[in-house]
C-alpha atoms as a PDB file:
ATOM      1  CA  MET A   1     -23.042 128.063 117.769  1.00  0.00           C
ATOM      2  CA  SER A   2     -24.277 129.839 120.872  1.00  0.00           C
ATOM      3  CA  ALA A   3     -23.711 133.511 121.734  1.00  0.00           C
ATOM      4  CA  ASP A   4     -20.772 132.564 123.973  1.00  0.00           C
ATOM      5  CA  GLY A   5     -18.992 130.799 121.094  1.00  0.00           C
ATOM      6  CA  CYS A   6     -19.763 127.222 122.086  1.00  0.00           C
ATOM      7  CA  PHE A   7     -21.004 124.533 119.733  1.00  0.00           C
ATOM      8  CA  ASP A   8     -23.788 122.191 120.758  1.00  0.00           C
ATOM      9  CA  VAL A   9     -23.953 118.722 119.236  1.00  0.00           C
ATOM     10  CA  ALA A  10     -27.556 118.328 118.111  1.00  0.00           C
ATOM     11  CA  ASP A  11     -27.318 114.682 117.171  1.00  0.00           C
ATOM     12  CA  ARG A  12     -25.384 111.667 118.301  1.00  0.00           C
ATOM     13  CA  VAL A  13     -21.964 111.777 116.692  1.00  0.00           C
ATOM     14  CA  THR A  14     -22.321 108.094 115.858  1.00  0.00           C
ATOM     15  CA  GLU A  15     -25.451 108.938 113.885  1.00  0.00           C
ATOM     16  CA  LEU A  16     -23.619 111.294 111.552  1.00  0.00           C
ATOM     17  CA  ILE A  17     -21.749 110.167 108.456  1.00  0.00           C
ATOM     18  CA  ASP A  18     -18.914 111.913 106.696  1.00  0.00           C
ATOM     19  CA  ASN A  19     -19.988 112.267 103.076  1.00  0.00           C
ATOM     20  CA  GLY A  20     -17.171 113.914 101.159  1.00  0.00           C
ATOM     21  CA  GLY A  21     -16.262 116.138 104.099  1.00  0.00           C
ATOM     22  CA  ASN A  22     -19.881 117.037 104.924  1.00  0.00           C
ATOM     23  CA  LYS A  23     -21.398 115.617 108.096  1.00  0.00           C
ATOM     24  CA  ILE A  24     -24.824 114.231 107.210  1.00  0.00           C
ATOM     25  CA  SER A  25     -27.411 113.251 109.800  1.00  0.00           C
ATOM     26  CA  LEU A  26     -28.692 109.723 109.352  1.00  0.00           C
ATOM     27  CA  HIS A  27     -31.953 110.962 110.890  1.00  0.00           C
ATOM     28  CA  ALA A  28     -32.316 113.555 108.103  1.00  0.00           C
ATOM     29  CA  ILE A  29     -31.975 110.853 105.455  1.00  0.00           C
ATOM     30  CA  GLU A  30     -34.468 108.658 107.281  1.00  0.00           C
ATOM     31  CA  GLY A  31     -36.886 111.584 107.470  1.00  0.00           C
ATOM     32  CA  VAL A  32     -36.816 111.976 103.695  1.00  0.00           C
ATOM     33  CA  LEU A  33     -37.203 108.237 103.167  1.00  0.00           C
ATOM     34  CA  LEU A  34     -40.250 108.161 105.432  1.00  0.00           C
ATOM     35  CA  THR A  35     -41.986 110.892 103.404  1.00  0.00           C
ATOM     36  CA  GLN A  36     -41.992 108.686 100.325  1.00  0.00           C
ATOM     37  CA  ALA A  37     -45.177 106.841  99.435  1.00  0.00           C
ATOM     38  CA  GLY A  38     -45.000 103.173 100.337  1.00  0.00           C
ATOM     39  CA  ILE A  39     -42.096 103.373 102.795  1.00  0.00           C
ATOM     40  CA  ILE A  40     -43.313 102.510 106.269  1.00  0.00           C
ATOM     41  CA  ASP A  41     -39.956 102.232 108.070  1.00  0.00           C
ATOM     42  CA  ALA A  42     -36.376 103.178 107.223  1.00  0.00           C
ATOM     43  CA  ALA A  43     -32.868 103.331 108.644  1.00  0.00           C
ATOM     44  CA  ALA A  44     -29.821 104.973 107.102  1.00  0.00           C
ATOM     45  CA  PHE A  45     -26.303 103.831 107.908  1.00  0.00           C
ATOM     46  CA  GLY A  46     -22.728 104.116 106.797  1.00  0.00           C
ATOM     47  CA  ALA A  47     -20.959 101.133 105.278  1.00  0.00           C
ATOM     48  CA  HIS A  48     -17.684 100.547 103.533  1.00  0.00           C
ATOM     49  CA  ASP A  49     -17.969  99.553  99.882  1.00  0.00           C
ATOM     50  CA  PRO A  50     -15.635  96.904  98.396  1.00  0.00           C
ATOM     51  CA  GLU A  51     -12.987  99.601  97.798  1.00  0.00           C
ATOM     52  CA  GLY A  52     -13.089 100.625 101.483  1.00  0.00           C
ATOM     53  CA  MET A  53     -14.848 103.964 100.925  1.00  0.00           C
ATOM     54  CA  MET A  54     -17.549 104.972 103.429  1.00  0.00           C
ATOM     55  CA  LYS A  55     -20.922 105.191 101.679  1.00  0.00           C
ATOM     56  CA  ILE A  56     -24.408 106.201 102.763  1.00  0.00           C
ATOM     57  CA  TRP A  57     -26.690 103.208 102.488  1.00  0.00           C
ATOM     58  CA  ALA A  58     -30.224 102.664 103.742  1.00  0.00           C
ATOM     59  CA  ALA A  59     -32.663  99.907 104.538  1.00  0.00           C
ATOM     60  CA  ALA A  60     -36.371 100.386 103.981  1.00  0.00           C
ATOM     61  CA  VAL A  61     -39.526  98.486 104.751  1.00  0.00           C
ATOM     62  CA  ALA A  62     -41.667  99.268 101.738  1.00  0.00           C
ATOM     63  CA  GLN A  63     -44.653  98.156  99.760  1.00  0.00           C
ATOM     64  CA  PRO A  64     -43.726  96.338  96.529  1.00  0.00           C
ATOM     65  CA  ALA A  65     -44.712  99.321  94.355  1.00  0.00           C
ATOM     66  CA  VAL A  66     -41.935 101.606  95.687  1.00  0.00           C
ATOM     67  CA  ASP A  67     -39.680 102.920  92.927  1.00  0.00           C
ATOM     68  CA  ILE A  68     -36.204 103.023  94.490  1.00  0.00           C
ATOM     69  CA  ASP A  69     -34.927 105.441  91.806  1.00  0.00           C
ATOM     70  CA  ILE A  70     -37.619 107.985  92.748  1.00  0.00           C
ATOM     71  CA  VAL A  71     -36.805 107.550  96.441  1.00  0.00           C
ATOM     72  CA  ALA A  72     -33.084 108.077  95.817  1.00  0.00           C
ATOM     73  CA  ARG A  73     -33.791 111.206  93.754  1.00  0.00           C
ATOM     74  CA  ALA A  74     -35.941 112.642  96.583  1.00  0.00           C
ATOM     75  CA  CYS A  75     -33.047 112.080  98.996  1.00  0.00           C
ATOM     76  CA  ARG A  76     -30.569 113.791  96.669  1.00  0.00           C
ATOM     77  CA  GLU A  77     -32.883 116.797  96.271  1.00  0.00           C
ATOM     78  CA  ALA A  78     -33.583 117.234 100.001  1.00  0.00           C
ATOM     79  CA  PRO A  79     -31.850 120.274 101.521  1.00  0.00           C
ATOM     80  CA  GLY A  80     -28.832 119.405 103.628  1.00  0.00           C
ATOM     81  CA  GLY A  81     -29.325 115.720 103.138  1.00  0.00           C
ATOM     82  CA  GLY A  82     -27.369 113.021 101.504  1.00  0.00           C
ATOM     83  CA  ALA A  83     -28.624 110.329  99.234  1.00  0.00           C
ATOM     84  CA  PRO A  84     -28.031 106.657  99.862  1.00  0.00           C
ATOM     85  CA  THR A  85     -26.081 104.994  97.076  1.00  0.00           C
ATOM     86  CA  LEU A  86     -27.730 101.705  98.010  1.00  0.00           C
ATOM     87  CA  ILE A  87     -31.209 101.075  99.395  1.00  0.00           C
ATOM     88  CA  VAL A  88     -32.092  97.557 100.460  1.00  0.00           C
ATOM     89  CA  ASN A  89     -35.654  96.427 100.951  1.00  0.00           C
ATOM     90  CA  LEU A  90     -36.243  94.503 104.194  1.00  0.00           C
ATOM     91  CA  ASP A  91     -39.355  92.864 105.599  1.00  0.00           C
ATOM     92  CA  GLU A  92     -38.596  94.413 108.988  1.00  0.00           C
ATOM     93  CA  LEU A  93     -35.894  96.657 110.425  1.00  0.00           C
ATOM     94  CA  PRO A  94     -33.883  95.257 113.322  1.00  0.00           C
ATOM     95  CA  ARG A  95     -34.422  97.365 116.445  1.00  0.00           C
ATOM     96  CA  ASN A  96     -32.962  97.317 119.943  1.00  0.00           C
ATOM     97  CA  ALA A  97     -34.979  97.110 123.166  1.00  0.00           C
ATOM     98  CA  GLY A  98     -35.364 100.917 123.107  1.00  0.00           C
ATOM     99  CA  GLY A  99     -36.902 100.820 119.630  1.00  0.00           C
ATOM    100  CA  LYS A 100     -33.908 102.416 117.891  1.00  0.00           C
ATOM    101  CA  PRO A 101     -32.674 100.887 114.619  1.00  0.00           C
ATOM    102  CA  VAL A 102     -29.725  98.531 114.936  1.00  0.00           C
ATOM    103  CA  ARG A 103     -27.793 100.032 112.048  1.00  0.00           C
ATOM    104  CA  GLU A 104     -25.087  97.374 111.879  1.00  0.00           C
ATOM    105  CA  GLU A 105     -27.391  94.482 111.000  1.00  0.00           C
ATOM    106  CA  PRO A 106     -28.618  95.722 107.576  1.00  0.00           C
ATOM    107  CA  VAL A 107     -24.991  96.093 106.425  1.00  0.00           C
ATOM    108  CA  THR A 108     -24.736  92.339 105.782  1.00  0.00           C
ATOM    109  CA  THR A 109     -27.842  92.425 103.587  1.00  0.00           C
ATOM    110  CA  ALA A 110     -26.629  95.545 101.791  1.00  0.00           C
ATOM    111  CA  LEU A 111     -23.219  94.018 101.091  1.00  0.00           C
ATOM    112  CA  ALA A 112     -24.914  90.973  99.569  1.00  0.00           C
ATOM    113  CA  GLN A 113     -27.132  93.101  97.283  1.00  0.00           C
ATOM    114  CA  GLN A 114     -24.796  95.965  96.297  1.00  0.00           C
ATOM    115  CA  GLN A 115     -26.967  97.324  93.500  1.00  0.00           C
ATOM    116  CA  PRO A 116     -26.212 101.083  93.640  1.00  0.00           C
ATOM    117  CA  VAL A 117     -29.078 103.497  92.966  1.00  0.00           C
END
């Protein structure tokens, strides 16, 4: 909040997810994912689970030796971040012409895998 009482949105609203009433930046989650050994690209996104609840999920391009449980724990322990309840491993992240992740496309893969971490 600025001195004159105004709020500035520091991220795209569409790139925030409501996690139990807390707004979590998808970029913050991606930042934690990218600090993990073996992960070379990552995108976090919100997706509805089979019960219709919004969940934080992520897609990662990783070397085969990545331990997803360790990655999920690092996300949970990061300040102000949220942890994905599902991380899918992709060969490549879909990106638009501007180089930004196309967050909708990994949802199909995530729904097919649905192995919560």
